[in-house]
Amino acid sequence: MTLQQMEYIVAVDKYRHFVRAAEACKVTQSTLSSMIQKLESELDIQIFDRNSHPIVSTLAGERIIHQAKVLLFNASQLTEMARTEREQTSGAVSLGIIPTVAPYIIPQLFKIIHTQYPGIQLRVAEARTATIIQKLERAEIDMALLATPLEHDQLLEIPIYYEKFVAYIYPEDPLFAQSEIETHHMPTEHLWVLQEGHCLRNQVLKICDHPTGYSSIYEAGSIDTLVKIVDENGGYTIIPELHVALLRHCQQSRIRKLIHPEPVREISLVIRRDYVRERLLNLIAEAIRTLIPESMIDPRLKRFTIKL
């Protein structure tokens, strides 16, 4: 049985006439009659006495029609609830974010939400991608800011911005003399990367043509740690371009552009496909957009709101 069939029997009960009921439901009389007959067959009950004029319901049919009205009311309540959820600008929002994005987004995001949308309680959980995906799958968080694509059927990815990678090089390293560095010619000797499990680690290793068993590659737990290791031990690392603004002025002189090709990562808001709070999603996306240079923002986000 379907809600559509419930609508049809309620319409016939209201108009006491199959043709007028069909017109009210904007279907043909044959379609309406066929769907009602299928419902009667499924329930093994005759809902209407077709020999009477005007049409009246049977005793059993009267009880079914009453319950159909309840079902249609509850369905309308669900629709209204979803609409309210889409449009609301208050309530708790839980956001997951990877460590290589959090330092540039979270401090100012809290400030924007607190100042402009005091009715929103923003909760942030910083974790690695695999952990955040699990939380999304279990509906433990509302949305996440992750490097994409993830290729996950249950999740919807909404690209927010595209971020280039740059090299941070110790002044005495041979690479330091180059103003631009071709990614395919980057050596793996003294390359410092993040620990296993960080998505940025995998992205960096894809950029470099590293040999199997890269024994000279060392691992650290955060981008700040990588930078400090380079400062103390030499070598180089690869970092997202938004991290450059967090470096001291003397450190920024150690940044070199990567070319041929120019590596870029996509950062997206990720939600479950059954997520309905459209208004809150747009508020968070717009707040993040204000924190990112205009040149990095996905063009679609500049022109359109997010529609679920």
Protein backbone atom coordinates (compact mmCIF):
# COMPACT_ATOMS: atom_id res chain seq x y z
CA MET A 1 0.00 0.00 0.00
CA THR A 2 1.10 3.58 -0.63
CA LEU A 3 0.33 7.08 0.60
CA GLN A 4 -1.06 7.76 -2.86
CA GLN A 5 -3.69 5.06 -2.34
CA MET A 6 -4.51 6.60 1.04
CA GLU A 7 -5.07 9.95 -0.70
CA TYR A 8 -7.39 8.33 -3.25
CA ILE A 9 -9.70 6.63 -0.73
CA VAL A 10 -9.88 9.79 1.40
CA ALA A 11 -10.80 11.78 -1.75
CA VAL A 12 -13.56 9.34 -2.72
CA ASP A 13 -14.92 9.47 0.83
CA LYS A 14 -14.92 13.27 0.65
CA TYR A 15 -16.52 13.69 -2.79
CA ARG A 16 -18.66 10.51 -2.77
CA HIS A 17 -17.92 10.23 -6.48
CA PHE A 18 -15.04 8.54 -8.33
CA VAL A 19 -14.83 11.06 -11.18
CA ARG A 20 -14.79 14.13 -8.92
CA ALA A 21 -12.28 12.45 -6.60
CA ALA A 22 -10.04 11.70 -9.59
CA GLU A 23 -10.23 15.32 -10.73
CA ALA A 24 -9.29 16.52 -7.25
CA CYS A 25 -6.30 14.15 -7.20
CA LYS A 26 -5.34 15.21 -10.76
CA VAL A 27 -5.42 11.65 -12.14
CA THR A 28 -7.74 9.82 -14.48
CA GLN A 29 -10.78 8.06 -13.09
CA SER A 30 -9.46 4.72 -14.33
CA THR A 31 -6.14 5.24 -12.51
CA LEU A 32 -7.86 6.15 -9.26
CA SER A 33 -10.28 3.21 -9.48
CA SER A 34 -7.50 0.77 -10.35
CA MET A 35 -5.31 1.87 -7.41
CA ILE A 36 -8.23 1.60 -4.96
CA GLN A 37 -9.08 -1.87 -6.26
CA LYS A 38 -5.45 -2.94 -5.76
CA LEU A 39 -5.62 -1.68 -2.17
CA GLU A 40 -8.87 -3.54 -1.54
CA SER A 41 -7.33 -6.69 -2.99
CA GLU A 42 -4.22 -6.31 -0.87
CA LEU A 43 -6.25 -5.80 2.32
CA ASP A 44 -8.91 -8.34 1.26
CA ILE A 45 -11.58 -5.81 2.24
CA GLN A 46 -14.14 -3.88 0.21
CA ILE A 47 -13.72 -0.24 1.16
CA PHE A 48 -16.56 1.27 -0.86
CA ASP A 49 -20.08 0.12 -1.73
CA ARG A 50 -20.10 0.85 -5.46
CA ASN A 51 -23.81 0.04 -5.83
CA SER A 52 -24.89 3.03 -3.77
CA HIS A 53 -25.30 6.53 -5.19
CA PRO A 54 -23.56 8.58 -4.02
CA ILE A 55 -20.68 6.27 -3.16
CA VAL A 56 -20.44 5.34 0.51
CA SER A 57 -17.86 3.39 2.48
CA THR A 58 -18.49 0.00 4.00
CA LEU A 59 -18.29 -0.42 7.76
CA ALA A 60 -14.76 -1.86 7.47
CA GLY A 61 -13.91 0.75 4.87
CA GLU A 62 -14.90 3.54 7.25
CA ARG A 63 -12.30 2.39 9.78
CA ILE A 64 -9.65 2.11 7.07
CA ILE A 65 -10.42 5.60 5.76
CA HIS A 66 -10.13 6.98 9.29
CA GLN A 67 -6.69 5.40 9.66
CA ALA A 68 -5.71 6.66 6.19
CA LYS A 69 -6.43 10.22 7.33
CA VAL A 70 -4.14 9.68 10.33
CA LEU A 71 -1.39 8.34 8.09
CA LEU A 72 -1.70 11.29 5.70
CA PHE A 73 -1.56 13.72 8.62
CA ASN A 74 1.57 12.07 10.00
CA ALA A 75 3.15 12.15 6.54
CA SER A 76 2.43 15.87 6.26
CA GLN A 77 4.03 16.37 9.67
CA LEU A 78 7.18 14.61 8.48
CA THR A 79 7.27 16.85 5.42
CA GLU A 80 6.87 19.94 7.59
CA MET A 81 9.55 18.70 9.98
CA ALA A 82 11.97 18.25 7.09
CA ARG A 83 11.16 21.73 5.75
CA THR A 84 11.76 23.24 9.19
CA GLU A 85 15.04 21.37 9.54
CA ARG A 86 16.16 22.70 6.15
CA GLU A 87 15.36 26.31 7.00
CA GLN A 88 16.31 26.53 10.66
CA THR A 89 19.22 28.68 11.83
CA SER A 90 19.56 27.31 15.33
CA GLY A 91 20.44 24.08 17.08
CA ALA A 92 23.48 21.87 17.55
CA VAL A 93 25.79 21.16 14.62
CA SER A 94 28.62 18.64 14.92
CA LEU A 95 31.50 18.94 12.46
CA GLY A 96 34.35 16.53 11.86
CA ILE A 97 37.59 17.91 10.41
CA ILE A 98 41.00 16.52 9.49
CA PRO A 99 44.08 17.89 11.32
CA THR A 100 45.67 19.26 8.13
CA VAL A 101 42.69 21.58 7.58
CA ALA A 102 41.62 22.46 11.14
CA PRO A 103 44.28 25.12 11.98
CA TYR A 104 43.16 27.42 9.14
CA ILE A 105 39.41 26.98 9.60
CA ILE A 106 38.33 26.24 13.15
CA PRO A 107 39.54 29.29 15.16
CA GLN A 108 37.79 31.80 12.91
CA LEU A 109 34.82 29.51 12.22
CA PHE A 110 33.97 29.46 15.93
CA LYS A 111 34.15 33.26 15.95
CA ILE A 112 31.87 33.68 12.92
CA ILE A 113 29.25 31.25 14.20
CA HIS A 114 29.27 32.76 17.70
CA THR A 115 28.97 36.33 16.36
CA GLN A 116 26.56 35.92 13.44
CA TYR A 117 24.54 32.85 14.46
CA PRO A 118 24.37 32.73 18.28
CA GLY A 119 21.56 30.17 18.10
CA ILE A 120 23.91 27.56 16.62
CA GLN A 121 25.95 25.37 18.95
CA LEU A 122 28.95 24.28 16.90
CA ARG A 123 30.80 21.18 18.06
CA VAL A 124 34.01 20.16 16.32
CA ALA A 125 35.81 16.82 16.40
CA GLU A 126 39.30 16.71 14.90
CA ALA A 127 40.33 13.26 13.67
CA ARG A 128 41.79 11.34 10.76
CA THR A 129 39.69 10.66 7.69
CA ALA A 130 38.87 7.01 8.42
CA THR A 131 37.59 7.87 11.90
CA ILE A 132 35.47 10.75 10.62
CA ILE A 133 33.91 8.59 7.90
CA GLN A 134 32.92 6.04 10.54
CA LYS A 135 31.29 8.79 12.59
CA LEU A 136 29.35 9.97 9.52
CA GLU A 137 28.23 6.43 8.73
CA ARG A 138 26.92 6.01 12.29
CA ALA A 139 25.30 9.49 12.19
CA GLU A 140 27.41 10.56 15.19
CA ILE A 141 28.30 13.84 13.45
CA ASP A 142 26.34 16.01 11.01
CA MET A 143 29.01 16.93 8.49
CA ALA A 144 32.76 16.89 7.91
CA LEU A 145 35.44 18.89 6.14
CA LEU A 146 37.64 16.38 4.33
CA ALA A 147 40.02 15.97 1.42
CA THR A 148 38.07 14.38 -1.41
CA PRO A 149 37.11 12.41 -3.46
CA LEU A 150 36.27 9.63 -1.03
CA GLU A 151 34.29 7.38 -3.41
CA HIS A 152 31.78 6.45 -0.70
CA ASP A 153 28.25 5.62 -1.89
CA GLN A 154 26.52 6.67 1.34
CA LEU A 155 28.13 10.10 1.52
CA LEU A 156 27.59 13.29 -0.49
CA GLU A 157 30.63 15.49 -1.21
CA ILE A 158 30.20 19.24 -1.70
CA PRO A 159 33.48 20.81 -2.93
CA ILE A 160 34.31 24.01 -1.04
CA TYR A 161 37.84 24.97 -2.14
CA TYR A 162 40.97 23.75 -3.93
CA GLU A 163 44.32 24.07 -2.22
CA LYS A 164 47.77 23.86 -3.79
CA PHE A 165 50.79 22.22 -2.17
CA VAL A 166 54.13 23.95 -1.69
CA ALA A 167 57.56 22.78 -0.57
CA TYR A 168 59.15 23.96 2.68
CA ILE A 169 62.93 23.59 2.30
CA TYR A 170 65.91 23.95 4.63
CA PRO A 171 68.23 26.71 3.30
CA GLU A 172 71.23 24.35 2.94
CA ASP A 173 69.30 21.71 0.99
CA PRO A 174 70.15 21.55 -2.76
CA LEU A 175 66.47 22.18 -3.63
CA PHE A 176 66.56 25.58 -1.92
CA ALA A 177 68.42 27.13 -4.85
CA GLN A 178 65.48 26.51 -7.17
CA SER A 179 62.73 29.12 -7.36
CA GLU A 180 60.27 26.49 -8.63
CA ILE A 181 60.46 22.73 -8.27
CA GLU A 182 59.15 20.16 -10.73
CA THR A 183 57.22 17.59 -8.74
CA HIS A 184 58.43 14.60 -10.75
CA HIS A 185 62.04 15.50 -10.02
CA MET A 186 61.73 15.76 -6.27
CA PRO A 187 64.12 13.43 -4.42
CA THR A 188 62.90 11.32 -1.53
CA GLU A 189 66.10 11.74 0.47
CA HIS A 190 65.34 13.81 3.58
CA LEU A 191 61.65 14.09 2.72
CA TRP A 192 59.58 14.38 5.88
CA VAL A 193 55.94 13.20 5.78
CA LEU A 194 53.06 12.71 8.21
CA GLN A 195 52.42 9.46 10.02
CA GLU A 196 50.46 6.59 8.48
CA GLY A 197 46.73 7.31 8.45
CA HIS A 198 46.89 10.98 7.47
CA CYS A 199 45.33 11.63 4.06
CA LEU A 200 47.96 14.32 3.42
CA ARG A 201 50.71 11.69 3.71
CA ASN A 202 49.16 9.69 0.86
CA GLN A 203 48.73 12.82 -1.24
CA VAL A 204 52.38 13.79 -0.74
CA LEU A 205 53.67 10.35 -1.65
CA LYS A 206 51.60 10.44 -4.85
CA ILE A 207 53.26 13.74 -5.78
CA CYS A 208 56.78 12.33 -5.46
CA ASP A 209 58.17 9.55 -7.62
CA HIS A 210 59.43 7.67 -4.60
CA PRO A 211 61.18 4.31 -4.84
CA THR A 212 59.89 1.21 -3.14
CA GLY A 213 61.04 1.02 0.46
CA TYR A 214 61.69 4.72 1.03
CA SER A 215 63.86 4.13 4.10
CA SER A 216 65.13 7.73 4.15
CA ILE A 217 61.62 9.19 4.59
CA TYR A 218 60.85 10.11 8.19
CA GLU A 219 57.41 10.55 9.71
CA ALA A 220 55.89 13.18 12.01
CA GLY A 221 52.48 13.76 13.60
CA SER A 222 51.56 17.28 12.44
CA ILE A 223 52.50 19.91 9.87
CA ASP A 224 53.95 22.13 12.61
CA THR A 225 56.17 19.24 13.66
CA LEU A 226 57.29 18.67 10.07
CA VAL A 227 58.30 22.33 9.74
CA LYS A 228 60.22 22.23 13.02
CA ILE A 229 61.99 19.01 12.01
CA VAL A 230 63.13 20.63 8.75
CA ASP A 231 64.35 23.69 10.66
CA GLU A 232 66.43 21.53 13.01
CA ASN A 233 67.53 18.65 10.77
CA GLY A 234 67.47 19.89 7.19
CA GLY A 235 65.71 18.32 4.24
CA TYR A 236 62.26 19.40 3.13
CA THR A 237 58.57 18.68 3.44
CA ILE A 238 55.40 19.40 1.45
CA ILE A 239 52.61 21.43 3.07
CA PRO A 240 49.23 22.92 2.07
CA GLU A 241 49.45 26.53 0.89
CA LEU A 242 47.11 27.81 3.64
CA HIS A 243 49.74 26.81 6.18
CA VAL A 244 52.14 29.40 4.76
CA ALA A 245 50.26 32.22 6.51
CA LEU A 246 50.91 30.49 9.85
CA LEU A 247 54.69 30.52 9.34
CA ARG A 248 57.00 33.20 10.67
CA HIS A 249 58.26 35.71 8.11
CA CYS A 250 61.73 34.15 8.03
CA GLN A 251 60.18 30.72 7.45
CA GLN A 252 58.04 31.93 4.56
CA SER A 253 61.22 32.61 2.57
CA ARG A 254 61.81 28.85 2.58
CA ILE A 255 58.63 28.15 0.57
CA ARG A 256 58.99 27.01 -3.04
CA LYS A 257 56.26 26.57 -5.63
CA LEU A 258 55.65 23.08 -7.09
CA ILE A 259 55.06 22.82 -10.84
CA HIS A 260 54.65 20.35 -13.71
CA PRO A 261 52.14 19.37 -12.52
CA GLU A 262 50.98 21.78 -9.86
CA PRO A 263 49.55 19.52 -7.11
CA VAL A 264 46.15 20.49 -5.72
CA ARG A 265 43.80 18.91 -3.21
CA GLU A 266 40.02 19.27 -3.10
CA ILE A 267 38.45 20.07 0.28
CA SER A 268 34.74 19.32 0.61
CA LEU A 269 31.93 19.39 3.10
CA VAL A 270 30.80 15.78 3.39
CA ILE A 271 27.37 14.72 4.65
CA ARG A 272 25.22 11.61 4.70
CA ARG A 273 22.89 11.38 1.72
CA ASP A 274 19.88 11.47 4.05
CA TYR A 275 20.93 14.75 5.68
CA VAL A 276 18.07 17.31 5.54
CA ARG A 277 19.23 20.44 7.42
CA GLU A 278 19.87 22.40 4.25
CA ARG A 279 19.86 25.87 5.82
CA LEU A 280 22.47 24.96 8.44
CA LEU A 281 24.61 23.29 5.79
CA ASN A 282 24.60 26.49 3.75
CA LEU A 283 25.44 28.61 6.79
CA ILE A 284 28.49 26.48 7.60
CA ALA A 285 29.59 26.41 3.95
CA GLU A 286 29.27 30.19 3.64
CA ALA A 287 31.16 30.75 6.89
CA ILE A 288 34.02 28.57 5.65
CA ARG A 289 33.98 30.35 2.32
CA THR A 290 34.64 33.70 4.01
CA LEU A 291 37.84 32.26 5.51
CA ILE A 292 39.32 31.07 2.22
CA PRO A 293 40.90 33.25 -0.51
CA GLU A 294 38.40 33.88 -3.30
CA SER A 295 40.68 32.32 -5.92
CA MET A 296 40.52 28.96 -4.12
CA ILE A 297 36.72 28.72 -3.80
CA ASP A 298 34.81 26.25 -5.98
CA PRO A 299 33.05 28.35 -8.68
CA ARG A 300 29.71 26.60 -8.06
CA LEU A 301 29.73 27.70 -4.42
CA LYS A 302 30.14 31.32 -5.54
CA ARG A 303 27.00 31.25 -7.66
CA PHE A 304 24.61 28.76 -6.10
CA THR A 305 23.37 27.67 -2.68
CA ILE A 306 23.56 24.03 -1.74
CA LYS A 307 20.32 22.15 -2.55
CA LEU A 308 19.60 18.78 -0.98
